Amino acid sequence: MATTHDVRLADGRTVRVHDTGDAGGAGPLTLIWHQGSPQTGALLEPLLSAAAPRRIRLLSYGRPSYGGSSPNPGRNVASAAADVEQFANALGIDRFAVMGASGGGPHALACAALMPDRVIGAVCLAAIAPLTDSFDWYAGMASDGGLRSAVAGREARKQHAAAFEFDPGIFTAADWAALDGAWASLGADSVLAGQAGPEGLIDDDLAYVAPWGFDLAQVQAPVLLVQGGEDRVVPQAHAEFLLRECPAAELWLRPRDGHVSVLAAVPVAMDWLLARG
């Protein structure tokens, strides 16, 4: 069971944090989960089920404009580190690990890069890479319109959001099986986030395609990249780029997984973090 905290930040914004707490005594690890796009930031059942038997204190939060957190127009990826630092301080958390899926991956890396004395390790599942001409960044994306429009600016991205129609083909059969099964809560949460409006997703996409506000070379903590070989949302080349650029990264490739089914690796990824805690 998670407790919700509305933490007031130095600039007056509020960030909504979900926290399983430490009711069983000092556990071996505190882990902050970074949501994909769009998600409310609430803790999802498979995360709770994986963390509980490992005695992991698990937290998540809504990025600006998601799930009760205040907007922060113009934010970049690095902004997440400042928000996390402030709510970690407010909750008395010193050292912790970070884990993010899809668009949560860059925000997890921001924390590792900008809080090197506090982040013990990072896991990124199906994480998007910075926009670069080092490889064909869009190749293999089944639906790249949101990111391409974001490159053109906020107004273009808003117009895309107004006309957007979901394409079920972005997910593989394995993804749909996961969404019908263990990760049904992720699908439901994504719908809930979408019903609240497109602002969070628009700001996310603008942040992904703009300079992130830190260099991947700054990430000195151990990084685990987990990537599905059949991912149609964030293709494998993104993980390979992150592997090259993050000094202490390793890659677990799951050849038959897509963008959602790769999340089956969350429990063993938690074990990977525990071994480094």
Protein backbone atom coordinates (compact mmCIF):
# COMPACT_ATOMS: atom_id res chain seq x y z
CA MET A 1 0.00 0.00 0.00
CA ALA A 2 1.41 3.38 -0.98
CA THR A 3 1.02 6.76 0.68
CA THR A 4 0.61 9.91 -1.41
CA HIS A 5 2.56 13.06 -0.54
CA ASP A 6 2.05 16.44 -2.21
CA VAL A 7 5.48 18.01 -1.83
CA ARG A 8 5.83 21.76 -2.33
CA LEU A 9 8.95 22.73 -4.26
CA ALA A 10 11.09 25.84 -3.92
CA ASP A 11 9.48 27.51 -6.95
CA GLY A 12 5.98 27.02 -5.55
CA ARG A 13 5.05 24.03 -7.69
CA THR A 14 3.70 20.82 -6.17
CA VAL A 15 4.88 17.34 -7.08
CA ARG A 16 2.73 14.35 -6.16
CA VAL A 17 4.80 11.48 -4.80
CA HIS A 18 3.68 7.90 -4.14
CA ASP A 19 5.65 6.06 -1.46
CA THR A 20 5.42 2.54 -0.03
CA GLY A 21 7.36 3.78 2.99
CA ASP A 22 9.60 1.69 5.19
CA ALA A 23 7.09 0.04 7.49
CA GLY A 24 9.12 -3.15 7.77
CA GLY A 25 12.22 -1.37 9.04
CA ALA A 26 15.24 -0.20 7.09
CA GLY A 27 15.15 -2.18 3.87
CA PRO A 28 18.14 -2.82 1.62
CA LEU A 29 17.21 -0.28 -1.06
CA THR A 30 15.13 2.78 -1.85
CA LEU A 31 14.07 2.93 -5.50
CA ILE A 32 12.47 5.84 -7.36
CA TRP A 33 10.45 4.84 -10.43
CA HIS A 34 10.20 7.23 -13.40
CA GLN A 35 7.04 6.86 -15.45
CA GLY A 36 6.71 6.54 -19.20
CA SER A 37 4.64 8.90 -21.35
CA PRO A 38 1.77 9.35 -20.71
CA GLN A 39 1.36 7.99 -17.17
CA THR A 40 0.03 9.56 -13.99
CA GLY A 41 3.09 8.62 -11.95
CA ALA A 42 1.12 6.31 -9.66
CA LEU A 43 2.78 3.09 -8.50
CA LEU A 44 1.58 0.20 -10.65
CA GLU A 45 0.72 -3.22 -9.27
CA PRO A 46 3.60 -5.17 -10.91
CA LEU A 47 6.10 -2.72 -9.40
CA LEU A 48 4.57 -3.11 -5.96
CA SER A 49 4.50 -6.90 -6.28
CA ALA A 50 8.16 -7.02 -7.27
CA ALA A 51 9.35 -4.57 -4.61
CA ALA A 52 7.52 -5.98 -1.58
CA PRO A 53 9.26 -9.36 -1.21
CA ARG A 54 12.62 -7.66 -1.80
CA ARG A 55 11.91 -5.17 1.03
CA ILE A 56 12.51 -2.30 -1.38
CA ARG A 57 11.07 1.09 -0.46
CA LEU A 58 9.47 2.14 -3.73
CA LEU A 59 8.53 5.66 -4.75
CA SER A 60 7.19 7.22 -7.92
CA TYR A 61 5.95 10.68 -8.81
CA GLY A 62 4.03 12.55 -11.43
CA ARG A 63 6.18 14.64 -13.69
CA PRO A 64 4.84 18.17 -14.24
CA SER A 65 1.24 18.20 -15.56
CA TYR A 66 0.74 14.52 -14.70
CA GLY A 67 -1.24 12.96 -11.89
CA GLY A 68 -1.69 16.00 -9.67
CA SER A 69 1.75 17.57 -10.17
CA SER A 70 1.92 21.22 -11.18
CA PRO A 71 2.80 22.22 -14.75
CA ASN A 72 6.32 23.34 -15.57
CA PRO A 73 6.27 24.59 -19.18
CA GLY A 74 9.67 24.69 -20.82
CA ARG A 75 11.14 21.99 -18.59
CA ASN A 76 13.97 19.88 -19.91
CA VAL A 77 14.94 16.34 -18.98
CA ALA A 78 17.43 17.59 -16.38
CA SER A 79 14.57 19.35 -14.54
CA ALA A 80 13.53 15.96 -13.18
CA ALA A 81 16.70 15.74 -11.10
CA ALA A 82 15.95 19.00 -9.30
CA ASP A 83 12.38 17.87 -8.55
CA VAL A 84 13.52 14.46 -7.30
CA GLU A 85 16.25 16.02 -5.16
CA GLN A 86 13.72 18.28 -3.46
CA PHE A 87 11.14 15.61 -2.69
CA ALA A 88 13.85 13.16 -1.58
CA ASN A 89 15.08 15.80 0.86
CA ALA A 90 11.54 16.45 2.08
CA LEU A 91 11.00 12.73 2.73
CA GLY A 92 14.37 12.22 4.40
CA ILE A 93 15.82 10.03 1.66
CA ASP A 94 19.58 10.19 1.16
CA ARG A 95 20.84 7.52 -1.26
CA PHE A 96 18.62 5.70 -3.72
CA ALA A 97 18.45 3.94 -7.06
CA VAL A 98 16.39 5.02 -10.06
CA MET A 99 14.49 3.02 -12.66
CA GLY A 100 12.56 4.32 -15.65
CA ALA A 101 10.65 2.85 -18.56
CA SER A 102 10.39 4.39 -22.02
CA GLY A 103 10.31 8.16 -21.52
CA GLY A 104 11.11 7.61 -17.86
CA GLY A 105 14.56 6.35 -18.81
CA PRO A 106 16.03 9.76 -19.71
CA HIS A 107 14.70 11.23 -16.45
CA ALA A 108 16.28 8.41 -14.46
CA LEU A 109 19.59 9.09 -16.22
CA ALA A 110 19.26 12.79 -15.36
CA CYS A 111 19.14 11.89 -11.68
CA ALA A 112 22.19 9.65 -12.00
CA ALA A 113 24.13 12.34 -13.88
CA LEU A 114 23.22 15.28 -11.66
CA MET A 115 23.11 13.59 -8.24
CA PRO A 116 26.20 11.37 -8.44
CA ASP A 117 26.65 11.24 -4.67
CA ARG A 118 23.10 10.01 -4.09
CA VAL A 119 22.19 7.68 -6.97
CA ILE A 120 23.72 4.22 -6.57
CA GLY A 121 22.51 2.82 -9.89
CA ALA A 122 20.03 3.27 -12.71
CA VAL A 123 17.89 0.93 -14.78
CA CYS A 124 16.37 2.04 -18.10
CA LEU A 125 13.83 -0.20 -19.82
CA ALA A 126 13.09 0.60 -23.48
CA ALA A 127 14.52 4.07 -22.95
CA ILE A 128 14.63 6.74 -25.61
CA ALA A 129 18.03 8.26 -26.49
CA PRO A 130 18.81 11.95 -27.01
CA LEU A 131 17.98 13.27 -30.47
CA THR A 132 21.17 12.83 -32.49
CA ASP A 133 22.42 12.41 -36.03
CA SER A 134 24.77 9.63 -34.88
CA PHE A 135 22.18 7.10 -36.08
CA ASP A 136 18.77 7.15 -37.77
CA TRP A 137 16.89 8.19 -34.65
CA TYR A 138 13.38 7.63 -36.04
CA ALA A 139 14.08 4.36 -37.88
CA GLY A 140 11.88 1.55 -36.64
CA MET A 141 9.38 3.77 -34.80
CA ALA A 142 5.88 2.72 -35.81
CA SER A 143 4.49 6.12 -34.81
CA ASP A 144 6.95 9.01 -34.80
CA GLY A 145 4.58 11.92 -35.47
CA GLY A 146 4.59 13.25 -31.92
CA LEU A 147 8.37 13.47 -31.73
CA ARG A 148 8.74 14.88 -35.25
CA SER A 149 6.17 17.57 -34.52
CA ALA A 150 7.92 18.39 -31.24
CA VAL A 151 11.08 19.21 -33.19
CA ALA A 152 9.04 21.90 -34.95
CA GLY A 153 8.02 23.45 -31.61
CA ARG A 154 5.19 23.58 -29.10
CA GLU A 155 2.47 24.79 -31.45
CA ALA A 156 3.18 22.02 -33.96
CA ARG A 157 3.16 19.45 -31.15
CA LYS A 158 -0.17 20.79 -29.86
CA GLN A 159 -1.68 20.53 -33.34
CA HIS A 160 -0.48 16.95 -33.58
CA ALA A 161 -2.08 16.16 -30.21
CA ALA A 162 -5.40 17.60 -31.38
CA ALA A 163 -5.46 15.32 -34.42
CA PHE A 164 -3.85 12.23 -32.87
CA GLU A 165 -5.41 8.79 -33.29
CA PHE A 166 -3.88 5.83 -31.49
CA ASP A 167 -2.38 3.12 -33.72
CA PRO A 168 -2.57 -0.30 -32.04
CA GLY A 169 0.16 -1.48 -34.41
CA ILE A 170 2.81 0.21 -32.31
CA PHE A 171 2.60 -2.76 -29.93
CA THR A 172 3.55 -6.36 -30.68
CA ALA A 173 1.45 -9.40 -29.82
CA ALA A 174 3.66 -9.86 -26.75
CA ASP A 175 2.96 -6.27 -25.72
CA TRP A 176 -0.79 -6.75 -25.99
CA ALA A 177 -0.55 -9.96 -23.99
CA ALA A 178 1.27 -8.02 -21.25
CA LEU A 179 -1.35 -5.25 -21.32
CA ASP A 180 -4.12 -7.85 -21.08
CA GLY A 181 -2.30 -9.58 -18.23
CA ALA A 182 0.37 -8.58 -15.75
CA TRP A 183 0.65 -4.98 -16.94
CA ALA A 184 -3.06 -4.20 -17.36
CA SER A 185 -2.63 -1.47 -14.74
CA LEU A 186 -0.19 0.33 -17.04
CA GLY A 187 -2.75 0.53 -19.82
CA ALA A 188 -5.44 1.75 -17.46
CA ASP A 189 -3.11 4.37 -16.00
CA SER A 190 -2.13 5.60 -19.46
CA VAL A 191 -5.80 6.11 -20.33
CA LEU A 192 -6.30 8.01 -17.08
CA ALA A 193 -3.31 10.24 -17.84
CA GLY A 194 -4.60 10.91 -21.34
CA GLN A 195 -8.06 11.85 -20.06
CA ALA A 196 -6.48 14.63 -17.98
CA GLY A 197 -5.23 16.33 -21.15
CA PRO A 198 -2.18 16.28 -23.42
CA GLU A 199 -0.04 18.88 -21.62
CA GLY A 200 2.25 16.45 -19.83
CA LEU A 201 2.89 14.41 -22.96
CA ILE A 202 3.50 17.54 -25.03
CA ASP A 203 6.06 18.79 -22.52
CA ASP A 204 7.67 15.34 -22.39
CA ASP A 205 8.10 15.16 -26.16
CA LEU A 206 9.48 18.70 -26.33
CA ALA A 207 12.01 17.75 -23.66
CA TYR A 208 13.05 14.52 -25.38
CA VAL A 209 13.96 16.24 -28.66
CA ALA A 210 15.63 19.30 -27.07
CA PRO A 211 19.05 19.28 -25.36
CA TRP A 212 18.60 17.25 -22.19
CA GLY A 213 20.60 19.56 -19.93
CA PHE A 214 23.34 17.06 -19.10
CA ASP A 215 25.80 14.81 -20.92
CA LEU A 216 25.49 11.05 -20.79
CA ALA A 217 29.21 10.93 -19.99
CA GLN A 218 28.33 12.47 -16.60
CA VAL A 219 26.51 9.27 -15.61
CA GLN A 220 29.18 7.48 -13.58
CA ALA A 221 26.84 5.18 -11.65
CA PRO A 222 26.22 1.65 -12.95
CA VAL A 223 23.49 1.66 -15.60
CA LEU A 224 21.46 -1.32 -16.78
CA LEU A 225 19.75 -0.94 -20.15
CA VAL A 226 16.98 -3.45 -20.89
CA GLN A 227 15.73 -3.49 -24.47
CA GLY A 228 13.24 -5.50 -26.48
CA GLY A 229 14.49 -6.53 -29.89
CA GLU A 230 11.01 -6.13 -31.40
CA ASP A 231 10.22 -2.74 -29.84
CA ARG A 232 8.23 -0.61 -32.31
CA VAL A 233 8.07 2.46 -30.06
CA VAL A 234 11.73 2.91 -29.03
CA PRO A 235 13.87 0.76 -31.33
CA GLN A 236 16.98 -1.14 -30.31
CA ALA A 237 19.34 1.45 -31.81
CA HIS A 238 18.43 3.82 -28.97
CA ALA A 239 19.68 1.36 -26.35
CA GLU A 240 22.83 0.75 -28.34
CA PHE A 241 23.53 4.50 -28.44
CA LEU A 242 22.98 4.82 -24.69
CA LEU A 243 25.31 1.87 -24.16
CA ARG A 244 28.07 3.62 -26.12
CA GLU A 245 27.64 6.94 -24.35
CA CYS A 246 27.13 5.93 -20.69
CA PRO A 247 30.52 4.99 -19.22
CA ALA A 248 29.31 2.24 -16.85
CA ALA A 249 26.36 0.82 -18.82
CA GLU A 250 25.51 -2.75 -19.72
CA LEU A 251 22.76 -3.94 -22.05
CA TRP A 252 20.35 -6.80 -21.58
CA LEU A 253 18.74 -7.49 -24.95
CA ARG A 254 15.50 -9.46 -24.90
CA PRO A 255 15.10 -10.32 -28.60
CA ARG A 256 11.41 -11.31 -28.56
CA ASP A 257 10.13 -8.48 -26.40
CA GLY A 258 8.37 -5.31 -27.48
CA HIS A 259 7.91 -2.01 -25.69
CA VAL A 260 5.63 -3.29 -22.91
CA SER A 261 6.51 -6.98 -22.63
CA VAL A 262 10.11 -6.00 -21.81
CA LEU A 263 8.78 -4.83 -18.43
CA ALA A 264 8.72 -8.48 -17.38
CA ALA A 265 12.40 -7.84 -16.58
CA VAL A 266 11.53 -5.44 -13.72
CA PRO A 267 11.95 -8.01 -10.90
CA VAL A 268 15.36 -9.21 -12.05
CA ALA A 269 16.39 -5.60 -12.71
CA MET A 270 15.53 -4.87 -9.08
CA ASP A 271 17.81 -7.76 -8.11
CA TRP A 272 20.56 -6.17 -10.24
CA LEU A 273 20.16 -2.93 -8.27
CA LEU A 274 20.14 -4.77 -4.94
CA ALA A 275 23.49 -6.31 -5.82
CA ARG A 276 24.89 -2.80 -6.20
CA GLY A 277 23.28 -1.27 -3.13
